[in-house]
Amino acid sequence: MNLSLQEAELFEAQHKRLSFSWWNNQEASPISKKIDHAFINQAWSARFPEAYAEFLEPLQSDHSPCLFHVPSAQRRAPKPFKFFNHIIDHPSFEETVREAWHPEAIMGTDQFKLVRSLKMLKKELRMLNKTHYSGITQWVKAQGEIVTELQRRLLTQPDSETTSLEHHAREKWQVLAKAKAKFYHQRSRVQWYDLGDMNTSFYHKVADQRAYQKHIHFLYQSVGGLVSGIYDIKEHTAEYFSQILGVTDMVSSPYSVADLEDLLPFRCSNENISELVKPV
């Protein structure tokens, strides 16, 4: 079975709800097993990274029906900003940050200045990444073809001009390849990056698979039922934490001073105390 799946390049889709999909309907010695599976391939995982299988209650059957959810096919949500480590290596990175970071020109509290400055910087960093690194895989491939063509010419009929072109092309290719490796390393979270697998398809597959496994497809409500869909999940999460963080009269069990002293063994010296309370 496993060999057949490997040859067909199939793997089990992420599944939710029930742990087992079949039971023997015996009251004396009930047995439940997971004998039903939903399989997908790499193309499906890349096309629908948020898809998952949901095994439901069997009702009249002895097998659980499988319902496949494809949230990304229903509605698209704007991608949240993510800082990519590879843009730090770009020559314009520091200049871009300096030009976008002007908290002194913003009126308001320090917290507001920080948030506003980060929003302004986010826009510029997003544009920097889009301009120079969008489609990085294709860029690396195209630049690699230029390098191989120049090297082929050098090994056939060498000359100074081609040598100079090859040096510049190879340097550009190395910069792009390094950026690509950092991009997929950050996405896949593979800790053994230094082993050297920086250009194999392994990173592409692991990155997609990690995002696929960590996606939140639905949440259980305290009153029963499920909340699904990215917008409903966001609203439910915000409501849940606002009930905790936004309430001032929650029932609590206060700790005594002795409990806090056991919990926090560190003590400030008299010198540190005087430094903390002196006027600024």
C-alpha atoms as a PDB file:
ATOM      1  CA  MET A   1       0.000   0.000   0.000  1.00  0.00           C
ATOM      2  CA  ASN A   2       2.688   2.475   1.016  1.00  0.00           C
ATOM      3  CA  LEU A   3       4.764   1.572  -2.038  1.00  0.00           C
ATOM      4  CA  SER A   4       1.783   2.153  -4.312  1.00  0.00           C
ATOM      5  CA  LEU A   5       1.174   5.568  -2.760  1.00  0.00           C
ATOM      6  CA  GLN A   6       4.825   6.498  -3.193  1.00  0.00           C
ATOM      7  CA  GLU A   7       4.813   5.452  -6.834  1.00  0.00           C
ATOM      8  CA  ALA A   8       1.615   7.423  -7.437  1.00  0.00           C
ATOM      9  CA  GLU A   9       3.085  10.378  -5.463  1.00  0.00           C
ATOM     10  CA  LEU A  10       0.037  10.537  -3.201  1.00  0.00           C
ATOM     11  CA  PHE A  11      -0.184  11.397   0.479  1.00  0.00           C
ATOM     12  CA  GLU A  12      -3.014  11.695   2.965  1.00  0.00           C
ATOM     13  CA  ALA A  13      -4.844  15.000   3.123  1.00  0.00           C
ATOM     14  CA  GLN A  14      -5.196  16.787   6.407  1.00  0.00           C
ATOM     15  CA  HIS A  15      -8.391  15.607   8.086  1.00  0.00           C
ATOM     16  CA  LYS A  16     -10.568  16.935  10.906  1.00  0.00           C
ATOM     17  CA  ARG A  17     -13.313  15.888  13.295  1.00  0.00           C
ATOM     18  CA  LEU A  18     -13.477  12.114  13.821  1.00  0.00           C
ATOM     19  CA  SER A  19     -10.377  10.040  14.546  1.00  0.00           C
ATOM     20  CA  PHE A  20     -11.894   6.823  13.161  1.00  0.00           C
ATOM     21  CA  SER A  21     -14.043   6.226  10.093  1.00  0.00           C
ATOM     22  CA  TRP A  22     -15.566   2.776  10.705  1.00  0.00           C
ATOM     23  CA  TRP A  23     -16.927   0.692  13.563  1.00  0.00           C
ATOM     24  CA  ASN A  24     -18.250  -2.854  13.718  1.00  0.00           C
ATOM     25  CA  ASN A  25     -21.669  -2.030  15.214  1.00  0.00           C
ATOM     26  CA  GLN A  26     -21.141  -4.596  17.975  1.00  0.00           C
ATOM     27  CA  GLU A  27     -22.427  -3.758  21.447  1.00  0.00           C
ATOM     28  CA  ALA A  28     -20.439  -6.464  23.230  1.00  0.00           C
ATOM     29  CA  SER A  29     -17.011  -5.649  21.833  1.00  0.00           C
ATOM     30  CA  PRO A  30     -17.144  -2.444  19.779  1.00  0.00           C
ATOM     31  CA  ILE A  31     -14.164  -1.781  17.537  1.00  0.00           C
ATOM     32  CA  SER A  32     -13.408   1.461  15.705  1.00  0.00           C
ATOM     33  CA  LYS A  33     -10.732   1.870  13.059  1.00  0.00           C
ATOM     34  CA  LYS A  34      -9.425   4.371  10.573  1.00  0.00           C
ATOM     35  CA  ILE A  35      -9.857   2.545   7.262  1.00  0.00           C
ATOM     36  CA  ASP A  36     -11.099   5.417   5.071  1.00  0.00           C
ATOM     37  CA  HIS A  37      -8.626   8.000   3.811  1.00  0.00           C
ATOM     38  CA  ALA A  38      -8.545  11.017   1.529  1.00  0.00           C
ATOM     39  CA  PHE A  39      -5.462  11.189  -0.684  1.00  0.00           C
ATOM     40  CA  ILE A  40      -4.090  14.134  -2.636  1.00  0.00           C
ATOM     41  CA  ASN A  41      -0.964  14.843  -4.681  1.00  0.00           C
ATOM     42  CA  GLN A  42       1.554  17.681  -4.638  1.00  0.00           C
ATOM     43  CA  ALA A  43      -0.238  19.605  -7.400  1.00  0.00           C
ATOM     44  CA  TRP A  44      -3.464  19.609  -5.370  1.00  0.00           C
ATOM     45  CA  SER A  45      -1.628  20.682  -2.210  1.00  0.00           C
ATOM     46  CA  ALA A  46       0.044  23.562  -4.068  1.00  0.00           C
ATOM     47  CA  ARG A  47      -3.193  24.652  -5.761  1.00  0.00           C
ATOM     48  CA  PHE A  48      -5.396  24.339  -2.658  1.00  0.00           C
ATOM     49  CA  PRO A  49      -3.095  24.633   0.410  1.00  0.00           C
ATOM     50  CA  GLU A  50      -6.009  25.274   2.783  1.00  0.00           C
ATOM     51  CA  ALA A  51      -8.117  22.295   1.697  1.00  0.00           C
ATOM     52  CA  TYR A  52      -8.894  19.559   4.199  1.00  0.00           C
ATOM     53  CA  ALA A  53     -11.051  16.461   4.568  1.00  0.00           C
ATOM     54  CA  GLU A  54     -13.766  16.253   7.201  1.00  0.00           C
ATOM     55  CA  PHE A  55     -15.055  12.851   8.306  1.00  0.00           C
ATOM     56  CA  LEU A  56     -18.646  13.093   9.518  1.00  0.00           C
ATOM     57  CA  GLU A  57     -20.923  10.901  11.599  1.00  0.00           C
ATOM     58  CA  PRO A  58     -21.977   7.781   9.646  1.00  0.00           C
ATOM     59  CA  LEU A  59     -25.688   7.833  10.607  1.00  0.00           C
ATOM     60  CA  GLN A  60     -27.155   4.744   8.847  1.00  0.00           C
ATOM     61  CA  SER A  61     -23.853   3.603   7.350  1.00  0.00           C
ATOM     62  CA  ASP A  62     -20.959   1.856   9.057  1.00  0.00           C
ATOM     63  CA  HIS A  63     -18.478   4.172   7.302  1.00  0.00           C
ATOM     64  CA  SER A  64     -18.008   7.884   7.901  1.00  0.00           C
ATOM     65  CA  PRO A  65     -18.726  10.049   4.876  1.00  0.00           C
ATOM     66  CA  CYS A  66     -15.835  12.268   3.809  1.00  0.00           C
ATOM     67  CA  LEU A  67     -16.529  15.893   2.973  1.00  0.00           C
ATOM     68  CA  PHE A  68     -13.716  17.809   1.278  1.00  0.00           C
ATOM     69  CA  HIS A  69     -13.450  21.538   1.995  1.00  0.00           C
ATOM     70  CA  VAL A  70     -11.668  23.925  -0.370  1.00  0.00           C
ATOM     71  CA  PRO A  71     -11.872  27.366   1.328  1.00  0.00           C
ATOM     72  CA  SER A  72      -9.533  29.077  -1.133  1.00  0.00           C
ATOM     73  CA  ALA A  73     -11.884  28.228  -4.002  1.00  0.00           C
ATOM     74  CA  GLN A  74     -14.724  30.076  -2.275  1.00  0.00           C
ATOM     75  CA  ARG A  75     -13.260  33.487  -1.517  1.00  0.00           C
ATOM     76  CA  ARG A  76      -9.880  35.134  -1.474  1.00  0.00           C
ATOM     77  CA  ALA A  77      -8.570  37.108   1.460  1.00  0.00           C
ATOM     78  CA  PRO A  78      -5.740  39.650   1.215  1.00  0.00           C
ATOM     79  CA  LYS A  79      -2.422  38.188   2.260  1.00  0.00           C
ATOM     80  CA  PRO A  80      -1.086  39.554   5.558  1.00  0.00           C
ATOM     81  CA  PHE A  81       2.273  41.290   5.515  1.00  0.00           C
ATOM     82  CA  LYS A  82       5.252  39.094   6.255  1.00  0.00           C
ATOM     83  CA  PHE A  83       8.820  40.280   6.623  1.00  0.00           C
ATOM     84  CA  PHE A  84      11.121  38.171   4.462  1.00  0.00           C
ATOM     85  CA  ASN A  85      14.703  37.864   5.656  1.00  0.00           C
ATOM     86  CA  HIS A  86      16.207  37.919   2.170  1.00  0.00           C
ATOM     87  CA  ILE A  87      15.355  41.590   1.543  1.00  0.00           C
ATOM     88  CA  ILE A  88      17.921  42.571   4.193  1.00  0.00           C
ATOM     89  CA  ASP A  89      20.648  41.623   1.709  1.00  0.00           C
ATOM     90  CA  HIS A  90      19.362  44.029  -0.946  1.00  0.00           C
ATOM     91  CA  PRO A  91      21.577  47.138  -1.368  1.00  0.00           C
ATOM     92  CA  SER A  92      18.546  49.451  -1.113  1.00  0.00           C
ATOM     93  CA  PHE A  93      17.191  47.967   2.108  1.00  0.00           C
ATOM     94  CA  GLU A  94      18.804  50.380   4.598  1.00  0.00           C
ATOM     95  CA  GLU A  95      18.045  53.403   2.426  1.00  0.00           C
ATOM     96  CA  THR A  96      14.418  52.286   2.062  1.00  0.00           C
ATOM     97  CA  VAL A  97      14.063  51.992   5.837  1.00  0.00           C
ATOM     98  CA  ARG A  98      15.658  55.399   6.461  1.00  0.00           C
ATOM     99  CA  GLU A  99      13.404  57.138   3.932  1.00  0.00           C
ATOM    100  CA  ALA A 100      10.230  55.527   5.298  1.00  0.00           C
ATOM    101  CA  TRP A 101      10.995  55.854   9.024  1.00  0.00           C
ATOM    102  CA  HIS A 102      10.093  59.359  10.261  1.00  0.00           C
ATOM    103  CA  PRO A 103       8.275  59.058  13.611  1.00  0.00           C
ATOM    104  CA  GLU A 104       9.170  62.671  14.450  1.00  0.00           C
ATOM    105  CA  ALA A 105       6.795  63.815  11.682  1.00  0.00           C
ATOM    106  CA  ILE A 106       3.822  61.974  13.226  1.00  0.00           C
ATOM    107  CA  MET A 107       1.600  63.587  15.850  1.00  0.00           C
ATOM    108  CA  GLY A 108       0.392  61.423  18.725  1.00  0.00           C
ATOM    109  CA  THR A 109       1.590  59.160  21.491  1.00  0.00           C
ATOM    110  CA  ASP A 110       4.758  57.104  21.207  1.00  0.00           C
ATOM    111  CA  GLN A 111       2.681  53.970  20.668  1.00  0.00           C
ATOM    112  CA  PHE A 112       0.739  55.623  17.838  1.00  0.00           C
ATOM    113  CA  LYS A 113       3.963  56.884  16.245  1.00  0.00           C
ATOM    114  CA  LEU A 114       5.425  53.383  16.345  1.00  0.00           C
ATOM    115  CA  VAL A 115       2.338  51.734  14.832  1.00  0.00           C
ATOM    116  CA  ARG A 116       2.020  54.403  12.136  1.00  0.00           C
ATOM    117  CA  SER A 117       5.713  54.203  11.265  1.00  0.00           C
ATOM    118  CA  LEU A 118       5.536  50.415  10.967  1.00  0.00           C
ATOM    119  CA  LYS A 119       2.550  50.691   8.622  1.00  0.00           C
ATOM    120  CA  MET A 120       4.397  53.160   6.408  1.00  0.00           C
ATOM    121  CA  LEU A 121       7.508  50.971   6.417  1.00  0.00           C
ATOM    122  CA  LYS A 122       5.447  47.879   5.616  1.00  0.00           C
ATOM    123  CA  LYS A 123       4.247  49.455   2.376  1.00  0.00           C
ATOM    124  CA  GLU A 124       7.791  50.255   1.229  1.00  0.00           C
ATOM    125  CA  LEU A 125       9.191  46.837   2.175  1.00  0.00           C
ATOM    126  CA  ARG A 126       6.352  45.098   0.368  1.00  0.00           C
ATOM    127  CA  MET A 127       7.149  47.109  -2.761  1.00  0.00           C
ATOM    128  CA  LEU A 128      10.887  46.371  -2.424  1.00  0.00           C
ATOM    129  CA  ASN A 129      10.217  42.648  -2.224  1.00  0.00           C
ATOM    130  CA  LYS A 130       7.732  42.727  -5.108  1.00  0.00           C
ATOM    131  CA  THR A 131      10.037  44.739  -7.376  1.00  0.00           C
ATOM    132  CA  HIS A 132      13.220  42.736  -6.851  1.00  0.00           C
ATOM    133  CA  TYR A 133      12.157  39.286  -5.645  1.00  0.00           C
ATOM    134  CA  SER A 134       8.694  38.552  -7.027  1.00  0.00           C
ATOM    135  CA  GLY A 135       8.848  35.242  -8.901  1.00  0.00           C
ATOM    136  CA  ILE A 136      12.285  34.512  -7.424  1.00  0.00           C
ATOM    137  CA  THR A 137      12.243  30.882  -8.600  1.00  0.00           C
ATOM    138  CA  GLN A 138      11.823  31.897 -12.242  1.00  0.00           C
ATOM    139  CA  TRP A 139      14.485  34.586 -11.862  1.00  0.00           C
ATOM    140  CA  VAL A 140      17.006  32.095 -10.514  1.00  0.00           C
ATOM    141  CA  LYS A 141      16.246  29.661 -13.321  1.00  0.00           C
ATOM    142  CA  ALA A 142      16.513  32.327 -16.040  1.00  0.00           C
ATOM    143  CA  GLN A 143      19.744  33.751 -14.618  1.00  0.00           C
ATOM    144  CA  GLY A 144      21.186  30.247 -14.306  1.00  0.00           C
ATOM    145  CA  GLU A 145      20.520  29.657 -18.007  1.00  0.00           C
ATOM    146  CA  ILE A 146      22.401  32.870 -18.843  1.00  0.00           C
ATOM    147  CA  VAL A 147      25.365  31.726 -16.749  1.00  0.00           C
ATOM    148  CA  THR A 148      25.470  28.273 -18.354  1.00  0.00           C
ATOM    149  CA  GLU A 149      25.317  29.773 -21.839  1.00  0.00           C
ATOM    150  CA  LEU A 150      28.222  32.130 -21.095  1.00  0.00           C
ATOM    151  CA  GLN A 151      30.230  29.292 -19.554  1.00  0.00           C
ATOM    152  CA  ARG A 152      29.528  27.160 -22.616  1.00  0.00           C
ATOM    153  CA  ARG A 153      30.930  29.929 -24.813  1.00  0.00           C
ATOM    154  CA  LEU A 154      33.994  30.269 -22.582  1.00  0.00           C
ATOM    155  CA  LEU A 155      34.712  26.560 -22.797  1.00  0.00           C
ATOM    156  CA  THR A 156      34.329  26.688 -26.588  1.00  0.00           C
ATOM    157  CA  GLN A 157      35.950  29.963 -27.600  1.00  0.00           C
ATOM    158  CA  PRO A 158      37.171  32.031 -24.613  1.00  0.00           C
ATOM    159  CA  ASP A 159      37.650  35.804 -24.737  1.00  0.00           C
ATOM    160  CA  SER A 160      37.937  38.661 -22.231  1.00  0.00           C
ATOM    161  CA  GLU A 161      34.504  40.146 -22.900  1.00  0.00           C
ATOM    162  CA  THR A 162      32.696  36.848 -22.330  1.00  0.00           C
ATOM    163  CA  THR A 163      34.734  36.268 -19.172  1.00  0.00           C
ATOM    164  CA  SER A 164      33.635  39.622 -17.757  1.00  0.00           C
ATOM    165  CA  LEU A 165      30.012  38.928 -18.663  1.00  0.00           C
ATOM    166  CA  GLU A 166      30.197  35.497 -17.028  1.00  0.00           C
ATOM    167  CA  HIS A 167      31.611  36.916 -13.794  1.00  0.00           C
ATOM    168  CA  HIS A 168      28.836  39.509 -13.497  1.00  0.00           C
ATOM    169  CA  ALA A 169      26.112  37.041 -14.487  1.00  0.00           C
ATOM    170  CA  ARG A 170      27.334  34.427 -12.012  1.00  0.00           C
ATOM    171  CA  GLU A 171      27.522  37.005  -9.220  1.00  0.00           C
ATOM    172  CA  LYS A 172      23.922  38.049  -9.902  1.00  0.00           C
ATOM    173  CA  TRP A 173      22.835  34.407 -10.017  1.00  0.00           C
ATOM    174  CA  GLN A 174      24.468  33.720  -6.634  1.00  0.00           C
ATOM    175  CA  VAL A 175      22.646  36.681  -5.067  1.00  0.00           C
ATOM    176  CA  LEU A 176      19.301  35.480  -6.431  1.00  0.00           C
ATOM    177  CA  ALA A 177      19.974  31.867  -5.417  1.00  0.00           C
ATOM    178  CA  LYS A 178      20.822  32.969  -1.877  1.00  0.00           C
ATOM    179  CA  ALA A 179      17.614  35.006  -1.682  1.00  0.00           C
ATOM    180  CA  LYS A 180      15.597  32.038  -2.938  1.00  0.00           C
ATOM    181  CA  ALA A 181      17.194  29.731  -0.369  1.00  0.00           C
ATOM    182  CA  LYS A 182      16.424  32.186   2.450  1.00  0.00           C
ATOM    183  CA  PHE A 183      12.850  32.541   1.242  1.00  0.00           C
ATOM    184  CA  TYR A 184      12.134  28.809   1.281  1.00  0.00           C
ATOM    185  CA  HIS A 185      14.099  28.279   4.463  1.00  0.00           C
ATOM    186  CA  GLN A 186      11.926  30.842   6.214  1.00  0.00           C
ATOM    187  CA  ARG A 187       8.756  29.251   4.856  1.00  0.00           C
ATOM    188  CA  SER A 188       9.656  25.656   5.577  1.00  0.00           C
ATOM    189  CA  ARG A 189      11.292  26.260   9.004  1.00  0.00           C
ATOM    190  CA  VAL A 190      13.750  23.455   8.245  1.00  0.00           C
ATOM    191  CA  GLN A 191      16.450  23.722  10.893  1.00  0.00           C
ATOM    192  CA  TRP A 192      19.130  21.805   9.026  1.00  0.00           C
ATOM    193  CA  TYR A 193      19.382  24.426   6.285  1.00  0.00           C
ATOM    194  CA  ASP A 194      23.174  24.393   6.492  1.00  0.00           C
ATOM    195  CA  LEU A 195      23.332  20.883   5.061  1.00  0.00           C
ATOM    196  CA  GLY A 196      23.263  22.377   1.590  1.00  0.00           C
ATOM    197  CA  ASP A 197      19.884  21.404   0.073  1.00  0.00           C
ATOM    198  CA  MET A 198      19.160  24.970  -1.021  1.00  0.00           C
ATOM    199  CA  ASN A 199      17.909  24.411  -4.559  1.00  0.00           C
ATOM    200  CA  THR A 200      16.030  21.102  -4.475  1.00  0.00           C
ATOM    201  CA  SER A 201      12.280  20.671  -4.735  1.00  0.00           C
ATOM    202  CA  PHE A 202      12.313  19.396  -1.147  1.00  0.00           C
ATOM    203  CA  TYR A 203      12.029  22.903   0.266  1.00  0.00           C
ATOM    204  CA  HIS A 204       9.107  23.726  -2.002  1.00  0.00           C
ATOM    205  CA  LYS A 205       7.220  20.651  -0.838  1.00  0.00           C
ATOM    206  CA  VAL A 206       8.038  21.102   2.850  1.00  0.00           C
ATOM    207  CA  ALA A 207       7.070  24.783   2.781  1.00  0.00           C
ATOM    208  CA  ASP A 208       3.698  24.021   1.210  1.00  0.00           C
ATOM    209  CA  GLN A 209       3.117  21.076   3.533  1.00  0.00           C
ATOM    210  CA  ARG A 210       3.921  23.058   6.708  1.00  0.00           C
ATOM    211  CA  ALA A 211       1.514  25.823   5.705  1.00  0.00           C
ATOM    212  CA  TYR A 212      -1.076  23.169   4.859  1.00  0.00           C
ATOM    213  CA  GLN A 213      -0.758  21.444   8.236  1.00  0.00           C
ATOM    214  CA  LYS A 214      -0.766  24.585  10.384  1.00  0.00           C
ATOM    215  CA  HIS A 215      -3.809  26.217   8.797  1.00  0.00           C
ATOM    216  CA  ILE A 216      -6.821  26.671  11.119  1.00  0.00           C
ATOM    217  CA  HIS A 217      -9.865  25.369   9.257  1.00  0.00           C
ATOM    218  CA  PHE A 218     -12.508  25.772  11.971  1.00  0.00           C
ATOM    219  CA  LEU A 219     -13.012  26.403  15.690  1.00  0.00           C
ATOM    220  CA  TYR A 220     -15.418  24.883  18.178  1.00  0.00           C
ATOM    221  CA  GLN A 221     -17.809  27.288  19.913  1.00  0.00           C
ATOM    222  CA  SER A 222     -18.382  27.033  23.663  1.00  0.00           C
ATOM    223  CA  VAL A 223     -22.138  26.814  23.044  1.00  0.00           C
ATOM    224  CA  GLY A 224     -21.671  24.059  20.478  1.00  0.00           C
ATOM    225  CA  GLY A 225     -21.239  24.062  16.740  1.00  0.00           C
ATOM    226  CA  LEU A 226     -18.374  25.019  14.469  1.00  0.00           C
ATOM    227  CA  VAL A 227     -17.093  28.301  13.101  1.00  0.00           C
ATOM    228  CA  SER A 228     -15.479  27.998   9.673  1.00  0.00           C
ATOM    229  CA  GLY A 229     -14.271  30.433   7.045  1.00  0.00           C
ATOM    230  CA  ILE A 230     -11.445  32.895   7.506  1.00  0.00           C
ATOM    231  CA  TYR A 231     -13.669  35.900   8.254  1.00  0.00           C
ATOM    232  CA  ASP A 232     -15.891  34.033  10.739  1.00  0.00           C
ATOM    233  CA  ILE A 233     -12.816  32.574  12.482  1.00  0.00           C
ATOM    234  CA  LYS A 234     -11.268  36.041  12.809  1.00  0.00           C
ATOM    235  CA  GLU A 235     -14.488  37.469  14.243  1.00  0.00           C
ATOM    236  CA  HIS A 236     -14.937  34.566  16.669  1.00  0.00           C
ATOM    237  CA  THR A 237     -11.315  34.828  17.863  1.00  0.00           C
ATOM    238  CA  ALA A 238     -11.547  38.595  18.381  1.00  0.00           C
ATOM    239  CA  GLU A 239     -14.811  38.178  20.298  1.00  0.00           C
ATOM    240  CA  TYR A 240     -13.346  35.421  22.468  1.00  0.00           C
ATOM    241  CA  PHE A 241     -10.293  37.413  23.552  1.00  0.00           C
ATOM    242  CA  SER A 242     -12.246  40.658  23.959  1.00  0.00           C
ATOM    243  CA  GLN A 243     -14.428  38.865  26.494  1.00  0.00           C
ATOM    244  CA  ILE A 244     -11.273  37.995  28.439  1.00  0.00           C
ATOM    245  CA  LEU A 245      -9.093  41.066  27.969  1.00  0.00           C
ATOM    246  CA  GLY A 246     -11.857  43.653  27.814  1.00  0.00           C
ATOM    247  CA  VAL A 247     -13.645  42.709  31.036  1.00  0.00           C
ATOM    248  CA  THR A 248     -12.708  44.356  34.347  1.00  0.00           C
ATOM    249  CA  ASP A 249     -14.988  42.434  36.700  1.00  0.00           C
ATOM    250  CA  MET A 250     -13.866  38.886  35.988  1.00  0.00           C
ATOM    251  CA  VAL A 251     -13.856  36.481  38.906  1.00  0.00           C
ATOM    252  CA  SER A 252     -10.269  35.958  39.998  1.00  0.00           C
ATOM    253  CA  SER A 253      -8.308  34.451  42.839  1.00  0.00           C
ATOM    254  CA  PRO A 254      -5.711  37.016  43.931  1.00  0.00           C
ATOM    255  CA  TYR A 255      -2.276  35.808  44.953  1.00  0.00           C
ATOM    256  CA  SER A 256      -0.841  36.722  48.309  1.00  0.00           C
ATOM    257  CA  VAL A 257       2.487  38.519  48.686  1.00  0.00           C
ATOM    258  CA  ALA A 258       4.057  35.260  49.864  1.00  0.00           C
ATOM    259  CA  ASP A 259       2.819  33.467  46.738  1.00  0.00           C
ATOM    260  CA  LEU A 260       4.296  36.166  44.522  1.00  0.00           C
ATOM    261  CA  GLU A 261       7.610  36.036  46.363  1.00  0.00           C
ATOM    262  CA  ASP A 262       7.785  32.279  45.761  1.00  0.00           C
ATOM    263  CA  LEU A 263       6.885  32.812  42.129  1.00  0.00           C
ATOM    264  CA  LEU A 264       9.415  35.619  41.591  1.00  0.00           C
ATOM    265  CA  PRO A 265      12.593  34.860  43.530  1.00  0.00           C
ATOM    266  CA  PHE A 266      14.514  37.827  42.098  1.00  0.00           C
ATOM    267  CA  ARG A 267      14.961  40.810  44.431  1.00  0.00           C
ATOM    268  CA  CYS A 268      16.222  44.258  43.497  1.00  0.00           C
ATOM    269  CA  SER A 269      19.105  45.581  45.495  1.00  0.00           C
ATOM    270  CA  ASN A 270      18.758  48.870  47.372  1.00  0.00           C
ATOM    271  CA  GLU A 271      20.909  50.514  44.729  1.00  0.00           C
ATOM    272  CA  ASN A 272      18.625  49.276  41.949  1.00  0.00           C
ATOM    273  CA  ILE A 273      15.547  50.450  43.839  1.00  0.00           C
ATOM    274  CA  SER A 274      16.955  53.946  44.223  1.00  0.00           C
ATOM    275  CA  GLU A 275      17.756  54.049  40.503  1.00  0.00           C
ATOM    276  CA  LEU A 276      14.221  52.976  39.588  1.00  0.00           C
ATOM    277  CA  VAL A 277      12.424  55.568  41.729  1.00  0.00           C
ATOM    278  CA  LYS A 278      14.640  58.579  41.105  1.00  0.00           C
ATOM    279  CA  PRO A 279      13.205  61.408  38.932  1.00  0.00           C
ATOM    280  CA  VAL A 280      13.833  61.204  35.194  1.00  0.00           C
END
